C-alpha atoms as a PDB file:
ATOM      1  CA  MET A   1       0.000   0.000   0.000  1.00  0.00           C
ATOM      2  CA  SER A   2       1.306   3.431  -0.921  1.00  0.00           C
ATOM      3  CA  ALA A   3       2.028   6.037   1.708  1.00  0.00           C
ATOM      4  CA  TYR A   4      -0.413   8.936   1.848  1.00  0.00           C
ATOM      5  CA  HIS A   5       0.767  12.548   1.857  1.00  0.00           C
ATOM      6  CA  SER A   6      -1.059  15.635   3.058  1.00  0.00           C
ATOM      7  CA  LEU A   7      -1.729  17.839   0.012  1.00  0.00           C
ATOM      8  CA  ILE A   8      -3.439  21.212  -0.182  1.00  0.00           C
ATOM      9  CA  VAL A   9      -6.486  21.742  -2.371  1.00  0.00           C
ATOM     10  CA  VAL A  10      -5.489  24.717  -4.547  1.00  0.00           C
ATOM     11  CA  ASP A  11      -8.740  25.161  -6.431  1.00  0.00           C
ATOM     12  CA  ILE A  12     -12.174  23.634  -6.876  1.00  0.00           C
ATOM     13  CA  GLU A  13     -13.872  24.331 -10.187  1.00  0.00           C
ATOM     14  CA  ARG A  14     -17.563  23.569 -10.585  1.00  0.00           C
ATOM     15  CA  LEU A  15     -17.820  21.607 -13.855  1.00  0.00           C
ATOM     16  CA  THR A  16     -21.510  20.737 -13.808  1.00  0.00           C
ATOM     17  CA  PRO A  17     -24.297  20.997 -11.230  1.00  0.00           C
ATOM     18  CA  SER A  18     -23.103  17.641  -9.863  1.00  0.00           C
ATOM     19  CA  SER A  19     -19.342  17.552 -10.469  1.00  0.00           C
ATOM     20  CA  VAL A  20     -16.144  19.387  -9.603  1.00  0.00           C
ATOM     21  CA  ALA A  21     -12.499  19.446 -10.669  1.00  0.00           C
ATOM     22  CA  ILE A  22     -10.153  19.490  -7.681  1.00  0.00           C
ATOM     23  CA  SER A  23      -6.631  20.844  -8.169  1.00  0.00           C
ATOM     24  CA  LEU A  24      -3.980  19.670  -5.721  1.00  0.00           C
ATOM     25  CA  MET A  25      -0.664  21.321  -4.922  1.00  0.00           C
ATOM     26  CA  ILE A  26       2.236  18.899  -5.164  1.00  0.00           C
ATOM     27  CA  PRO A  27       5.160  20.177  -3.066  1.00  0.00           C
ATOM     28  CA  GLU A  28       8.556  20.230  -4.747  1.00  0.00           C
ATOM     29  CA  ASP A  29       9.893  17.393  -2.573  1.00  0.00           C
ATOM     30  CA  LEU A  30       7.028  15.094  -3.695  1.00  0.00           C
ATOM     31  CA  LYS A  31       6.974  15.935  -7.422  1.00  0.00           C
ATOM     32  CA  LYS A  32       9.116  12.957  -8.442  1.00  0.00           C
ATOM     33  CA  GLY A  33       6.885  10.532  -6.526  1.00  0.00           C
ATOM     34  CA  PHE A  34       3.738  12.117  -7.961  1.00  0.00           C
ATOM     35  CA  ALA A  35       4.880  12.042 -11.609  1.00  0.00           C
ATOM     36  CA  TYR A  36       2.221  10.231 -13.625  1.00  0.00           C
ATOM     37  CA  SER A  37       1.182   8.945 -17.017  1.00  0.00           C
ATOM     38  CA  ALA A  38      -2.051   9.977 -18.706  1.00  0.00           C
ATOM     39  CA  GLY A  39      -4.821   7.651 -17.555  1.00  0.00           C
ATOM     40  CA  GLN A  40      -3.610   7.013 -13.993  1.00  0.00           C
ATOM     41  CA  TYR A  41      -5.541   7.757 -10.798  1.00  0.00           C
ATOM     42  CA  LEU A  42      -5.013   9.112  -7.289  1.00  0.00           C
ATOM     43  CA  SER A  43      -6.368   7.638  -4.066  1.00  0.00           C
ATOM     44  CA  LEU A  44      -7.738  10.380  -1.830  1.00  0.00           C
ATOM     45  CA  GLU A  45      -8.608  10.214   1.867  1.00  0.00           C
ATOM     46  CA  ALA A  46     -10.615  12.641   3.975  1.00  0.00           C
ATOM     47  CA  SER A  47     -11.948  12.551   7.495  1.00  0.00           C
ATOM     48  CA  ILE A  48     -15.720  12.824   7.079  1.00  0.00           C
ATOM     49  CA  ASN A  49     -17.766  12.927  10.289  1.00  0.00           C
ATOM     50  CA  GLY A  50     -14.815  11.397  12.126  1.00  0.00           C
ATOM     51  CA  GLU A  51     -14.444   8.510   9.674  1.00  0.00           C
ATOM     52  CA  ALA A  52     -11.494   8.083   7.288  1.00  0.00           C
ATOM     53  CA  ILE A  53     -13.020   7.671   3.816  1.00  0.00           C
ATOM     54  CA  ARG A  54     -10.809   6.668   0.859  1.00  0.00           C
ATOM     55  CA  ARG A  55     -11.749   6.784  -2.803  1.00  0.00           C
ATOM     56  CA  SER A  56      -9.800   6.653  -6.051  1.00  0.00           C
ATOM     57  CA  TYR A  57     -10.324   9.184  -8.844  1.00  0.00           C
ATOM     58  CA  SER A  58      -8.731   9.393 -12.268  1.00  0.00           C
ATOM     59  CA  LEU A  59      -6.472  12.296 -13.062  1.00  0.00           C
ATOM     60  CA  SER A  60      -8.074  14.563 -15.644  1.00  0.00           C
ATOM     61  CA  SER A  61      -4.963  16.697 -16.001  1.00  0.00           C
ATOM     62  CA  ALA A  62      -2.189  15.629 -18.353  1.00  0.00           C
ATOM     63  CA  PRO A  63       1.452  15.164 -17.306  1.00  0.00           C
ATOM     64  CA  HIS A  64       2.659  18.096 -19.455  1.00  0.00           C
ATOM     65  CA  GLN A  65       0.369  20.435 -17.476  1.00  0.00           C
ATOM     66  CA  ASN A  66       2.522  20.024 -14.339  1.00  0.00           C
ATOM     67  CA  LYS A  67      -0.466  19.814 -12.030  1.00  0.00           C
ATOM     68  CA  ALA A  68      -2.728  17.192 -10.498  1.00  0.00           C
ATOM     69  CA  ILE A  69      -6.467  17.565 -11.098  1.00  0.00           C
ATOM     70  CA  VAL A  70      -9.178  14.993 -10.446  1.00  0.00           C
ATOM     71  CA  GLY A  71     -12.787  15.200 -11.563  1.00  0.00           C
ATOM     72  CA  ILE A  72     -15.402  14.035  -9.054  1.00  0.00           C
ATOM     73  CA  LYS A  73     -19.063  13.496  -9.860  1.00  0.00           C
ATOM     74  CA  LYS A  74     -21.457  13.574  -6.917  1.00  0.00           C
ATOM     75  CA  ILE A  75     -23.129  10.221  -6.428  1.00  0.00           C
ATOM     76  CA  GLU A  76     -26.367  10.033  -4.433  1.00  0.00           C
ATOM     77  CA  GLY A  77     -25.421   8.675  -1.016  1.00  0.00           C
ATOM     78  CA  GLY A  78     -21.711   8.834  -1.855  1.00  0.00           C
ATOM     79  CA  LYS A  79     -19.784   9.954   1.211  1.00  0.00           C
ATOM     80  CA  PHE A  80     -16.627  11.170  -0.485  1.00  0.00           C
ATOM     81  CA  SER A  81     -18.219  12.523  -3.664  1.00  0.00           C
ATOM     82  CA  THR A  82     -20.806  14.488  -1.656  1.00  0.00           C
ATOM     83  CA  TYR A  83     -18.053  15.846   0.610  1.00  0.00           C
ATOM     84  CA  ALA A  84     -15.926  16.859  -2.396  1.00  0.00           C
ATOM     85  CA  ASN A  85     -18.840  18.590  -4.130  1.00  0.00           C
ATOM     86  CA  ASP A  86     -20.515  20.249  -1.135  1.00  0.00           C
ATOM     87  CA  VAL A  87     -17.981  20.731   1.677  1.00  0.00           C
ATOM     88  CA  LEU A  88     -14.372  20.686   0.434  1.00  0.00           C
ATOM     89  CA  LYS A  89     -12.852  24.090  -0.347  1.00  0.00           C
ATOM     90  CA  ALA A  90      -9.586  25.622  -1.513  1.00  0.00           C
ATOM     91  CA  GLY A  91      -7.032  25.596   1.281  1.00  0.00           C
ATOM     92  CA  ASP A  92      -8.290  22.317   2.774  1.00  0.00           C
ATOM     93  CA  LYS A  93      -5.975  19.317   2.954  1.00  0.00           C
ATOM     94  CA  LEU A  94      -6.530  15.802   1.680  1.00  0.00           C
ATOM     95  CA  GLN A  95      -4.433  12.707   2.230  1.00  0.00           C
ATOM     96  CA  VAL A  96      -3.282  11.558  -1.210  1.00  0.00           C
ATOM     97  CA  ALA A  97      -1.374   8.473  -2.347  1.00  0.00           C
ATOM     98  CA  PRO A  98       0.988   8.674  -5.355  1.00  0.00           C
ATOM     99  CA  PRO A  99      -0.487   7.895  -8.792  1.00  0.00           C
ATOM    100  CA  GLU A 100      -1.317   4.331  -9.692  1.00  0.00           C
ATOM    101  CA  GLY A 101      -2.875   2.381 -12.524  1.00  0.00           C
ATOM    102  CA  ARG A 102      -1.904   0.670 -15.749  1.00  0.00           C
ATOM    103  CA  PHE A 103      -4.590   2.158 -18.031  1.00  0.00           C
ATOM    104  CA  VAL A 104      -2.129   4.634 -19.536  1.00  0.00           C
ATOM    105  CA  PHE A 105      -1.217   6.374 -22.738  1.00  0.00           C
ATOM    106  CA  LEU A 106       2.494   6.537 -23.476  1.00  0.00           C
ATOM    107  CA  PRO A 107       3.394   9.095 -26.149  1.00  0.00           C
ATOM    108  CA  SER A 108       5.136   7.688 -29.209  1.00  0.00           C
ATOM    109  CA  ASP A 109       6.644   9.025 -32.431  1.00  0.00           C
ATOM    110  CA  LYS A 110       4.869   6.248 -34.347  1.00  0.00           C
ATOM    111  CA  GLN A 111       1.751   7.091 -36.295  1.00  0.00           C
ATOM    112  CA  GLN A 112      -1.310   6.009 -34.352  1.00  0.00           C
ATOM    113  CA  HIS A 113      -5.041   6.578 -34.148  1.00  0.00           C
ATOM    114  CA  LEU A 114      -6.909   6.657 -30.850  1.00  0.00           C
ATOM    115  CA  LEU A 115     -10.628   5.976 -30.657  1.00  0.00           C
ATOM    116  CA  LEU A 116     -11.896   6.911 -27.189  1.00  0.00           C
ATOM    117  CA  PHE A 117     -15.342   6.060 -25.793  1.00  0.00           C
ATOM    118  CA  ALA A 118     -16.628   7.598 -22.548  1.00  0.00           C
ATOM    119  CA  ALA A 119     -19.880   8.160 -20.716  1.00  0.00           C
ATOM    120  CA  GLY A 120     -20.477  10.500 -17.789  1.00  0.00           C
ATOM    121  CA  SER A 121     -17.576  10.789 -15.375  1.00  0.00           C
ATOM    122  CA  GLY A 122     -15.725   8.101 -17.346  1.00  0.00           C
ATOM    123  CA  ILE A 123     -14.327  11.028 -19.330  1.00  0.00           C
ATOM    124  CA  THR A 124     -11.736  11.843 -16.639  1.00  0.00           C
ATOM    125  CA  PRO A 125      -8.940   9.404 -17.591  1.00  0.00           C
ATOM    126  CA  LEU A 126      -9.729   9.819 -21.289  1.00  0.00           C
ATOM    127  CA  PHE A 127      -9.522  13.613 -20.988  1.00  0.00           C
ATOM    128  CA  SER A 128      -5.988  13.182 -19.649  1.00  0.00           C
ATOM    129  CA  ILE A 129      -5.138  10.772 -22.477  1.00  0.00           C
ATOM    130  CA  LEU A 130      -6.698  13.050 -25.102  1.00  0.00           C
ATOM    131  CA  LYS A 131      -4.718  16.092 -23.956  1.00  0.00           C
ATOM    132  CA  SER A 132      -1.488  14.076 -23.798  1.00  0.00           C
ATOM    133  CA  ALA A 133      -1.989  12.622 -27.267  1.00  0.00           C
ATOM    134  CA  LEU A 134      -2.647  16.034 -28.809  1.00  0.00           C
ATOM    135  CA  GLU A 135       0.134  17.862 -26.958  1.00  0.00           C
ATOM    136  CA  GLU A 136       2.912  15.290 -26.722  1.00  0.00           C
ATOM    137  CA  THR A 137       2.719  13.529 -30.086  1.00  0.00           C
ATOM    138  CA  LYS A 138       2.923  14.641 -33.693  1.00  0.00           C
ATOM    139  CA  ASN A 139       1.575  11.576 -35.478  1.00  0.00           C
ATOM    140  CA  THR A 140      -1.501  10.779 -33.412  1.00  0.00           C
ATOM    141  CA  SER A 141      -5.085  11.411 -34.443  1.00  0.00           C
ATOM    142  CA  VAL A 142      -7.877  11.142 -31.891  1.00  0.00           C
ATOM    143  CA  GLN A 143     -11.614  10.583 -32.092  1.00  0.00           C
ATOM    144  CA  LEU A 144     -13.765  10.872 -28.971  1.00  0.00           C
ATOM    145  CA  VAL A 145     -17.280   9.533 -28.515  1.00  0.00           C
ATOM    146  CA  TYR A 146     -18.710  10.973 -25.280  1.00  0.00           C
ATOM    147  CA  GLY A 147     -22.243  10.432 -23.983  1.00  0.00           C
ATOM    148  CA  ASN A 148     -24.106  12.058 -21.094  1.00  0.00           C
ATOM    149  CA  LYS A 149     -27.592  12.444 -19.660  1.00  0.00           C
ATOM    150  CA  SER A 150     -27.608  16.072 -20.810  1.00  0.00           C
ATOM    151  CA  PRO A 151     -25.219  18.740 -22.112  1.00  0.00           C
ATOM    152  CA  GLU A 152     -25.355  20.419 -18.672  1.00  0.00           C
ATOM    153  CA  GLU A 153     -23.972  17.247 -17.067  1.00  0.00           C
ATOM    154  CA  SER A 154     -21.034  16.915 -19.493  1.00  0.00           C
ATOM    155  CA  MET A 155     -17.843  17.177 -17.469  1.00  0.00           C
ATOM    156  CA  PHE A 156     -15.121  19.324 -19.108  1.00  0.00           C
ATOM    157  CA  LYS A 157     -17.564  20.294 -21.894  1.00  0.00           C
ATOM    158  CA  SER A 158     -16.068  23.715 -22.667  1.00  0.00           C
ATOM    159  CA  ASP A 159     -12.498  22.355 -22.482  1.00  0.00           C
ATOM    160  CA  LEU A 160     -13.367  19.515 -24.853  1.00  0.00           C
ATOM    161  CA  GLU A 161     -15.042  21.926 -27.264  1.00  0.00           C
ATOM    162  CA  ALA A 162     -11.917  24.112 -27.194  1.00  0.00           C
ATOM    163  CA  LEU A 163      -9.769  21.140 -28.220  1.00  0.00           C
END
């Protein structure tokens, strides 16, 4: 099990009525341990009503952005997702484990075509992969198929449209 580190929440951006993007500050002495590949996730822990609650969320930021951002959709009855959407604020601290996961995109000079399918909050790891593919490769084309209940519930909608 990875060691958890106390990280400061730098910003919370409301993405939709039921989701947020949480930006975490990675101190200089932890940057090497928190280096990640597009598609990986972070395990977060918060004390909620005196109980330590841990959940894992995919990074929506891309490695070239030099920041760690996770997207969290509020789930009815979800302890952590409700806390993140309704209580957590900039300046608060979360316990965070270094990035994990093998669902990754590794940039290559080879010509390749990515076809990405996502629904709802499943966009978070693919958003990281999409940004990495477009920024870090020259010979990669990308197609994204993204479904949601409504346009208002589309996480990262304006960012995706800008790409």
